[in-house]
Amino acid sequence: SALAALQLRHDNSSVLAFIRLLDGPEEYARPPRDGDVAIIYSAGVSDRGFNATFADRTQTAAPVVAAAISWLDKNRALAQRFLRVDSDSTDQDEHSPLAYTKVMRLLFQQAILR
């Protein structure tokens, strides 16, 4: 999937990735909704600590990310629903920042039924 490709191509670097997700409607009469997830991916930052290169730190710095998101928004490249996620791995287990159910719930504001 997209996260596996992200990890393979950028296993030693940082990258800003945008992924568009589609939420299928519960009822047939409602249209599908789309939303964008900005993944600020810094592979192994917790392992590298301060050994990350200047380019890696700059690319994922808050002002750079905010400027990129602002530019994309002004040029109407982003969907109405938007979520920013910072992560140092592509794991999707229950407690990771990229857990599928958590991302979908935050992006499309769905309640969890218990």
C-alpha atoms as a PDB file:
ATOM      1  CA  SER A   1       0.000   0.000   0.000  1.00  0.00           C
ATOM      2  CA  ALA A   2       0.983   3.659   0.078  1.00  0.00           C
ATOM      3  CA  LEU A   3       2.492   3.439   3.565  1.00  0.00           C
ATOM      4  CA  ALA A   4       4.620   0.432   2.627  1.00  0.00           C
ATOM      5  CA  ALA A   5       5.933   2.304  -0.425  1.00  0.00           C
ATOM      6  CA  LEU A   6       6.643   5.335   1.765  1.00  0.00           C
ATOM      7  CA  GLN A   7       8.673   3.218   4.162  1.00  0.00           C
ATOM      8  CA  LEU A   8      10.601   1.469   1.371  1.00  0.00           C
ATOM      9  CA  ARG A   9      11.518   4.628  -0.527  1.00  0.00           C
ATOM     10  CA  HIS A  10      12.267   6.838   2.482  1.00  0.00           C
ATOM     11  CA  ASP A  11      13.635   4.458   5.108  1.00  0.00           C
ATOM     12  CA  ASN A  12      16.504   6.812   6.052  1.00  0.00           C
ATOM     13  CA  SER A  13      15.003  10.218   5.395  1.00  0.00           C
ATOM     14  CA  SER A  14      12.119  12.522   6.181  1.00  0.00           C
ATOM     15  CA  VAL A  15       9.297  13.300   3.817  1.00  0.00           C
ATOM     16  CA  LEU A  16       5.989  15.149   3.687  1.00  0.00           C
ATOM     17  CA  ALA A  17       3.356  12.894   2.071  1.00  0.00           C
ATOM     18  CA  PHE A  18      -0.290  13.533   1.248  1.00  0.00           C
ATOM     19  CA  ILE A  19      -2.747  10.667   0.932  1.00  0.00           C
ATOM     20  CA  ARG A  20      -6.383  11.036  -0.141  1.00  0.00           C
ATOM     21  CA  LEU A  21      -8.853   8.742   1.614  1.00  0.00           C
ATOM     22  CA  LEU A  22     -12.417   7.987   0.599  1.00  0.00           C
ATOM     23  CA  ASP A  23     -15.185   7.281   3.085  1.00  0.00           C
ATOM     24  CA  GLY A  24     -17.966   5.161   1.636  1.00  0.00           C
ATOM     25  CA  PRO A  25     -21.438   6.261   2.745  1.00  0.00           C
ATOM     26  CA  GLU A  26     -23.530   4.187   5.123  1.00  0.00           C
ATOM     27  CA  GLU A  27     -26.659   5.003   3.126  1.00  0.00           C
ATOM     28  CA  TYR A  28     -26.911   4.646  -0.636  1.00  0.00           C
ATOM     29  CA  ALA A  29     -28.399   8.137  -1.064  1.00  0.00           C
ATOM     30  CA  ARG A  30     -25.406   9.928   0.455  1.00  0.00           C
ATOM     31  CA  PRO A  31     -22.398  10.743  -1.729  1.00  0.00           C
ATOM     32  CA  PRO A  32     -18.941   9.439  -0.765  1.00  0.00           C
ATOM     33  CA  ARG A  33     -16.714  11.838   1.146  1.00  0.00           C
ATOM     34  CA  ASP A  34     -13.022  12.377   0.534  1.00  0.00           C
ATOM     35  CA  GLY A  35     -10.358  13.720   2.830  1.00  0.00           C
ATOM     36  CA  ASP A  36      -6.624  14.292   2.810  1.00  0.00           C
ATOM     37  CA  VAL A  37      -4.091  13.136   5.358  1.00  0.00           C
ATOM     38  CA  ALA A  38      -0.755  14.925   5.554  1.00  0.00           C
ATOM     39  CA  ILE A  39       1.843  12.530   6.925  1.00  0.00           C
ATOM     40  CA  ILE A  40       4.964  14.198   8.255  1.00  0.00           C
ATOM     41  CA  TYR A  41       7.155  11.118   8.148  1.00  0.00           C
ATOM     42  CA  SER A  42      10.566  11.121   9.791  1.00  0.00           C
ATOM     43  CA  ALA A  43      11.907   7.589   9.532  1.00  0.00           C
ATOM     44  CA  GLY A  44      13.823   6.502  12.575  1.00  0.00           C
ATOM     45  CA  VAL A  45      14.030   9.939  14.178  1.00  0.00           C
ATOM     46  CA  SER A  46      13.647   8.340  17.572  1.00  0.00           C
ATOM     47  CA  ASP A  47      16.569   6.053  16.683  1.00  0.00           C
ATOM     48  CA  ARG A  48      18.745   8.713  15.025  1.00  0.00           C
ATOM     49  CA  GLY A  49      18.084  11.431  17.560  1.00  0.00           C
ATOM     50  CA  PHE A  50      20.171  14.456  16.651  1.00  0.00           C
ATOM     51  CA  ASN A  51      21.996  12.543  13.878  1.00  0.00           C
ATOM     52  CA  ALA A  52      19.258  13.482  11.406  1.00  0.00           C
ATOM     53  CA  THR A  53      20.561  15.646   8.581  1.00  0.00           C
ATOM     54  CA  PHE A  54      19.799  19.326   8.370  1.00  0.00           C
ATOM     55  CA  ALA A  55      17.729  18.725   5.224  1.00  0.00           C
ATOM     56  CA  ASP A  56      15.598  16.107   7.041  1.00  0.00           C
ATOM     57  CA  ARG A  57      14.986  18.401   9.989  1.00  0.00           C
ATOM     58  CA  THR A  58      14.201  21.358   7.732  1.00  0.00           C
ATOM     59  CA  GLN A  59      11.801  19.436   5.519  1.00  0.00           C
ATOM     60  CA  THR A  60       9.604  18.398   8.416  1.00  0.00           C
ATOM     61  CA  ALA A  61       9.891  21.629  10.428  1.00  0.00           C
ATOM     62  CA  ALA A  62       6.587  23.213  11.439  1.00  0.00           C
ATOM     63  CA  PRO A  63       6.977  26.418   9.328  1.00  0.00           C
ATOM     64  CA  VAL A  64       7.864  24.422   6.197  1.00  0.00           C
ATOM     65  CA  VAL A  65       4.943  22.032   6.662  1.00  0.00           C
ATOM     66  CA  ALA A  66       2.542  24.916   7.384  1.00  0.00           C
ATOM     67  CA  ALA A  67       3.714  26.758   4.246  1.00  0.00           C
ATOM     68  CA  ALA A  68       3.260  23.645   2.088  1.00  0.00           C
ATOM     69  CA  ILE A  69      -0.233  23.019   3.476  1.00  0.00           C
ATOM     70  CA  SER A  70      -1.157  26.680   3.024  1.00  0.00           C
ATOM     71  CA  TRP A  71       0.050  26.677  -0.588  1.00  0.00           C
ATOM     72  CA  LEU A  72      -1.881  23.503  -1.388  1.00  0.00           C
ATOM     73  CA  ASP A  73      -4.996  24.915   0.266  1.00  0.00           C
ATOM     74  CA  LYS A  74      -4.774  28.240  -1.628  1.00  0.00           C
ATOM     75  CA  ASN A  75      -4.429  26.352  -4.913  1.00  0.00           C
ATOM     76  CA  ARG A  76      -7.407  24.130  -4.048  1.00  0.00           C
ATOM     77  CA  ALA A  77      -5.397  20.924  -4.086  1.00  0.00           C
ATOM     78  CA  LEU A  78      -6.640  19.757  -0.678  1.00  0.00           C
ATOM     79  CA  ALA A  79     -10.015  18.234   0.127  1.00  0.00           C
ATOM     80  CA  GLN A  80     -12.358  19.964   2.563  1.00  0.00           C
ATOM     81  CA  ARG A  81     -11.552  17.413   5.242  1.00  0.00           C
ATOM     82  CA  PHE A  82      -7.917  17.491   6.296  1.00  0.00           C
ATOM     83  CA  LEU A  83      -5.833  15.814   8.994  1.00  0.00           C
ATOM     84  CA  ARG A  84      -2.158  16.246   9.880  1.00  0.00           C
ATOM     85  CA  VAL A  85      -0.313  13.281  11.392  1.00  0.00           C
ATOM     86  CA  ASP A  86       3.307  13.248  12.615  1.00  0.00           C
ATOM     87  CA  SER A  87       4.890   9.801  12.610  1.00  0.00           C
ATOM     88  CA  ASP A  88       8.288   8.126  12.713  1.00  0.00           C
ATOM     89  CA  SER A  89       7.014   4.742  11.479  1.00  0.00           C
ATOM     90  CA  THR A  90       4.381   3.380   9.121  1.00  0.00           C
ATOM     91  CA  ASP A  91       2.993   0.929  11.676  1.00  0.00           C
ATOM     92  CA  GLN A  92      -0.783   0.855  11.844  1.00  0.00           C
ATOM     93  CA  ASP A  93      -1.270  -0.968  15.114  1.00  0.00           C
ATOM     94  CA  GLU A  94      -3.897   0.238  17.563  1.00  0.00           C
ATOM     95  CA  HIS A  95      -1.699   2.767  19.406  1.00  0.00           C
ATOM     96  CA  SER A  96       0.258   4.222  16.484  1.00  0.00           C
ATOM     97  CA  PRO A  97      -0.452   7.676  15.013  1.00  0.00           C
ATOM     98  CA  LEU A  98      -1.326   6.076  11.644  1.00  0.00           C
ATOM     99  CA  ALA A  99      -3.807   3.503  12.981  1.00  0.00           C
ATOM    100  CA  TYR A 100      -6.429   3.193  10.249  1.00  0.00           C
ATOM    101  CA  THR A 101      -9.501   3.383  12.482  1.00  0.00           C
ATOM    102  CA  LYS A 102      -8.120   6.367  14.387  1.00  0.00           C
ATOM    103  CA  VAL A 103      -7.221   8.275  11.208  1.00  0.00           C
ATOM    104  CA  MET A 104     -10.590   7.581   9.585  1.00  0.00           C
ATOM    105  CA  ARG A 105     -12.472   8.576  12.752  1.00  0.00           C
ATOM    106  CA  LEU A 106     -10.537  11.832  13.138  1.00  0.00           C
ATOM    107  CA  LEU A 107     -10.733  12.694   9.453  1.00  0.00           C
ATOM    108  CA  PHE A 108     -14.428  11.976   9.015  1.00  0.00           C
ATOM    109  CA  GLN A 109     -15.479  12.622  12.653  1.00  0.00           C
ATOM    110  CA  GLN A 110     -17.119   9.280  13.234  1.00  0.00           C
ATOM    111  CA  ALA A 111     -18.054   8.072  16.681  1.00  0.00           C
ATOM    112  CA  ILE A 112     -16.879   4.696  17.928  1.00  0.00           C
ATOM    113  CA  LEU A 113     -19.712   2.402  18.908  1.00  0.00           C
ATOM    114  CA  ARG A 114     -19.026   0.218  21.927  1.00  0.00           C
END
